[in-house]
Amino acid sequence: MTEETITALKNYDWLIRNRGLGEVELHWESDSLVSGDGGYEISLLTEPGFTPGTRQDS
C-alpha cells in the first residue's frame, strides 16, 4: 500500500470516528467529501495533517 493511500485511509477513519458515519459521505460524481453543511475536494484526504489523525507533531 502506498503512503498516500495510508494517509487517505487514516484521514477518512478519523472523520468517521469523530464526526460519525452519518455525517461523512464521499460524493464520487463531484469528487467531494461531504461533511456536515460543507465539503472538501476528495484529494485532501491524501494530505498529511488534513485531520488530527495524520498530523505530525513538531
N, C-alpha and C. Protein backbone atom coordinates (compact mmCIF):
# COMPACT_ATOMS: atom_id res chain seq x y z
N MET A 1 0.84 -1.16 0.00
CA MET A 1 0.00 0.00 0.00
C MET A 1 0.90 1.24 0.00
N THR A 2 0.51 2.24 -0.77
CA THR A 2 1.34 3.44 -0.84
C THR A 2 1.11 4.32 0.39
N GLU A 3 2.06 5.19 0.66
CA GLU A 3 1.94 6.13 1.79
C GLU A 3 0.73 7.05 1.60
N GLU A 4 0.48 7.44 0.36
CA GLU A 4 -0.67 8.30 0.05
C GLU A 4 -1.99 7.59 0.41
N THR A 5 -2.08 6.32 0.09
CA THR A 5 -3.28 5.54 0.41
C THR A 5 -3.46 5.41 1.92
N ILE A 6 -2.38 5.14 2.62
CA ILE A 6 -2.44 5.02 4.08
C ILE A 6 -2.91 6.32 4.70
N THR A 7 -2.37 7.45 4.23
CA THR A 7 -2.77 8.75 4.74
C THR A 7 -4.26 9.01 4.48
N ALA A 8 -4.73 8.70 3.29
CA ALA A 8 -6.15 8.90 2.95
C ALA A 8 -7.04 8.06 3.86
N LEU A 9 -6.67 6.82 4.10
CA LEU A 9 -7.46 5.95 4.96
C LEU A 9 -7.45 6.44 6.41
N LYS A 10 -6.32 6.90 6.89
CA LYS A 10 -6.24 7.43 8.25
C LYS A 10 -7.11 8.68 8.40
N ASN A 11 -7.07 9.56 7.41
CA ASN A 11 -7.90 10.76 7.45
C ASN A 11 -9.38 10.41 7.42
N TYR A 12 -9.77 9.51 6.55
CA TYR A 12 -11.17 9.10 6.45
C TYR A 12 -11.61 8.40 7.73
N ASP A 13 -10.77 7.55 8.28
CA ASP A 13 -11.07 6.88 9.53
C ASP A 13 -11.30 7.89 10.65
N TRP A 14 -10.44 8.90 10.74
CA TRP A 14 -10.59 9.92 11.77
C TRP A 14 -11.92 10.65 11.62
N LEU A 15 -12.26 11.01 10.40
CA LEU A 15 -13.53 11.72 10.16
C LEU A 15 -14.72 10.88 10.58
N ILE A 16 -14.73 9.62 10.22
CA ILE A 16 -15.84 8.72 10.57
C ILE A 16 -15.94 8.55 12.08
N ARG A 17 -14.82 8.33 12.74
CA ARG A 17 -14.83 8.10 14.18
C ARG A 17 -15.21 9.35 14.97
N ASN A 18 -14.86 10.53 14.47
CA ASN A 18 -15.06 11.75 15.23
C ASN A 18 -16.28 12.57 14.80
N ARG A 19 -16.74 12.39 13.60
CA ARG A 19 -17.93 13.11 13.15
C ARG A 19 -19.13 12.20 12.98
N GLY A 20 -18.90 10.92 12.87
CA GLY A 20 -19.98 9.95 12.75
C GLY A 20 -20.21 9.52 11.31
N LEU A 21 -20.58 8.28 11.15
CA LEU A 21 -20.78 7.70 9.83
C LEU A 21 -21.85 8.44 9.03
N GLY A 22 -22.88 8.91 9.70
CA GLY A 22 -23.95 9.63 9.02
C GLY A 22 -23.59 11.05 8.63
N GLU A 23 -22.44 11.54 9.08
CA GLU A 23 -22.03 12.92 8.81
C GLU A 23 -20.93 13.06 7.76
N VAL A 24 -20.44 11.95 7.26
CA VAL A 24 -19.34 11.97 6.28
C VAL A 24 -19.74 11.13 5.08
N GLU A 25 -19.62 11.72 3.90
CA GLU A 25 -20.02 11.00 2.68
C GLU A 25 -19.04 11.32 1.55
N LEU A 26 -18.67 10.31 0.80
CA LEU A 26 -17.88 10.52 -0.41
C LEU A 26 -18.86 10.69 -1.57
N HIS A 27 -18.80 11.82 -2.23
CA HIS A 27 -19.67 12.09 -3.37
C HIS A 27 -18.81 11.98 -4.63
N TRP A 28 -18.84 10.79 -5.22
CA TRP A 28 -17.93 10.46 -6.32
C TRP A 28 -18.16 11.32 -7.55
N GLU A 29 -19.41 11.65 -7.84
CA GLU A 29 -19.71 12.41 -9.06
C GLU A 29 -19.05 13.79 -9.07
N SER A 30 -18.88 14.39 -7.90
CA SER A 30 -18.26 15.72 -7.83
C SER A 30 -16.86 15.69 -7.23
N ASP A 31 -16.33 14.49 -7.00
CA ASP A 31 -15.01 14.34 -6.36
C ASP A 31 -14.94 15.13 -5.06
N SER A 32 -15.99 15.00 -4.24
CA SER A 32 -16.08 15.75 -3.00
C SER A 32 -16.25 14.83 -1.80
N LEU A 33 -15.79 15.32 -0.69
CA LEU A 33 -16.04 14.72 0.61
C LEU A 33 -17.02 15.65 1.29
N VAL A 34 -18.22 15.18 1.57
CA VAL A 34 -19.26 15.99 2.18
C VAL A 34 -19.26 15.71 3.68
N SER A 35 -19.21 16.78 4.47
CA SER A 35 -19.20 16.64 5.92
C SER A 35 -20.01 17.78 6.52
N GLY A 36 -21.10 17.42 7.19
CA GLY A 36 -21.96 18.45 7.77
C GLY A 36 -22.57 19.31 6.68
N ASP A 37 -22.46 20.61 6.84
CA ASP A 37 -23.00 21.55 5.86
C ASP A 37 -21.99 21.95 4.80
N GLY A 38 -20.80 21.38 4.84
CA GLY A 38 -19.76 21.77 3.90
C GLY A 38 -19.19 20.60 3.13
N GLY A 39 -18.14 20.89 2.44
CA GLY A 39 -17.49 19.85 1.67
C GLY A 39 -16.05 20.22 1.36
N TYR A 40 -15.33 19.22 0.92
CA TYR A 40 -13.91 19.37 0.60
C TYR A 40 -13.63 18.61 -0.68
N GLU A 41 -12.59 19.01 -1.36
CA GLU A 41 -12.13 18.24 -2.51
C GLU A 41 -11.61 16.90 -1.98
N ILE A 42 -12.03 15.84 -2.59
CA ILE A 42 -11.72 14.49 -2.09
C ILE A 42 -10.20 14.25 -2.02
N SER A 43 -9.44 14.91 -2.85
CA SER A 43 -7.99 14.71 -2.84
C SER A 43 -7.33 15.18 -1.55
N LEU A 44 -8.03 16.01 -0.76
CA LEU A 44 -7.46 16.45 0.52
C LEU A 44 -7.27 15.30 1.50
N LEU A 45 -7.98 14.21 1.28
CA LEU A 45 -7.79 13.04 2.14
C LEU A 45 -6.36 12.52 2.09
N THR A 46 -5.67 12.76 1.00
CA THR A 46 -4.30 12.25 0.86
C THR A 46 -3.26 13.18 1.50
N GLU A 47 -3.71 14.32 2.03
CA GLU A 47 -2.79 15.30 2.60
C GLU A 47 -2.53 15.03 4.08
N PRO A 48 -1.26 14.82 4.45
CA PRO A 48 -0.95 14.70 5.88
C PRO A 48 -1.38 15.98 6.60
N GLY A 49 -2.03 15.81 7.75
CA GLY A 49 -2.47 16.97 8.52
C GLY A 49 -3.88 17.44 8.20
N PHE A 50 -4.54 16.82 7.23
CA PHE A 50 -5.92 17.20 6.91
C PHE A 50 -6.82 16.99 8.13
N THR A 51 -6.55 15.95 8.91
CA THR A 51 -7.24 15.70 10.18
C THR A 51 -6.18 15.47 11.24
N PRO A 52 -6.56 15.54 12.51
CA PRO A 52 -5.60 15.22 13.57
C PRO A 52 -5.05 13.80 13.46
N GLY A 53 -5.74 12.93 12.77
CA GLY A 53 -5.26 11.55 12.61
C GLY A 53 -3.98 11.43 11.81
N THR A 54 -3.61 12.46 11.08
CA THR A 54 -2.38 12.40 10.29
C THR A 54 -1.45 13.59 10.55
N ARG A 55 -1.71 14.31 11.61
CA ARG A 55 -0.82 15.44 11.93
C ARG A 55 0.51 14.94 12.48
N GLN A 56 1.55 15.61 12.06
CA GLN A 56 2.89 15.30 12.56
C GLN A 56 3.19 16.23 13.73
N ASP A 57 3.59 15.67 14.85
CA ASP A 57 3.97 16.51 15.99
C ASP A 57 5.35 17.09 15.74
N SER A 58 5.47 18.38 16.00
CA SER A 58 6.76 19.06 15.79
C SER A 58 7.67 18.93 16.97
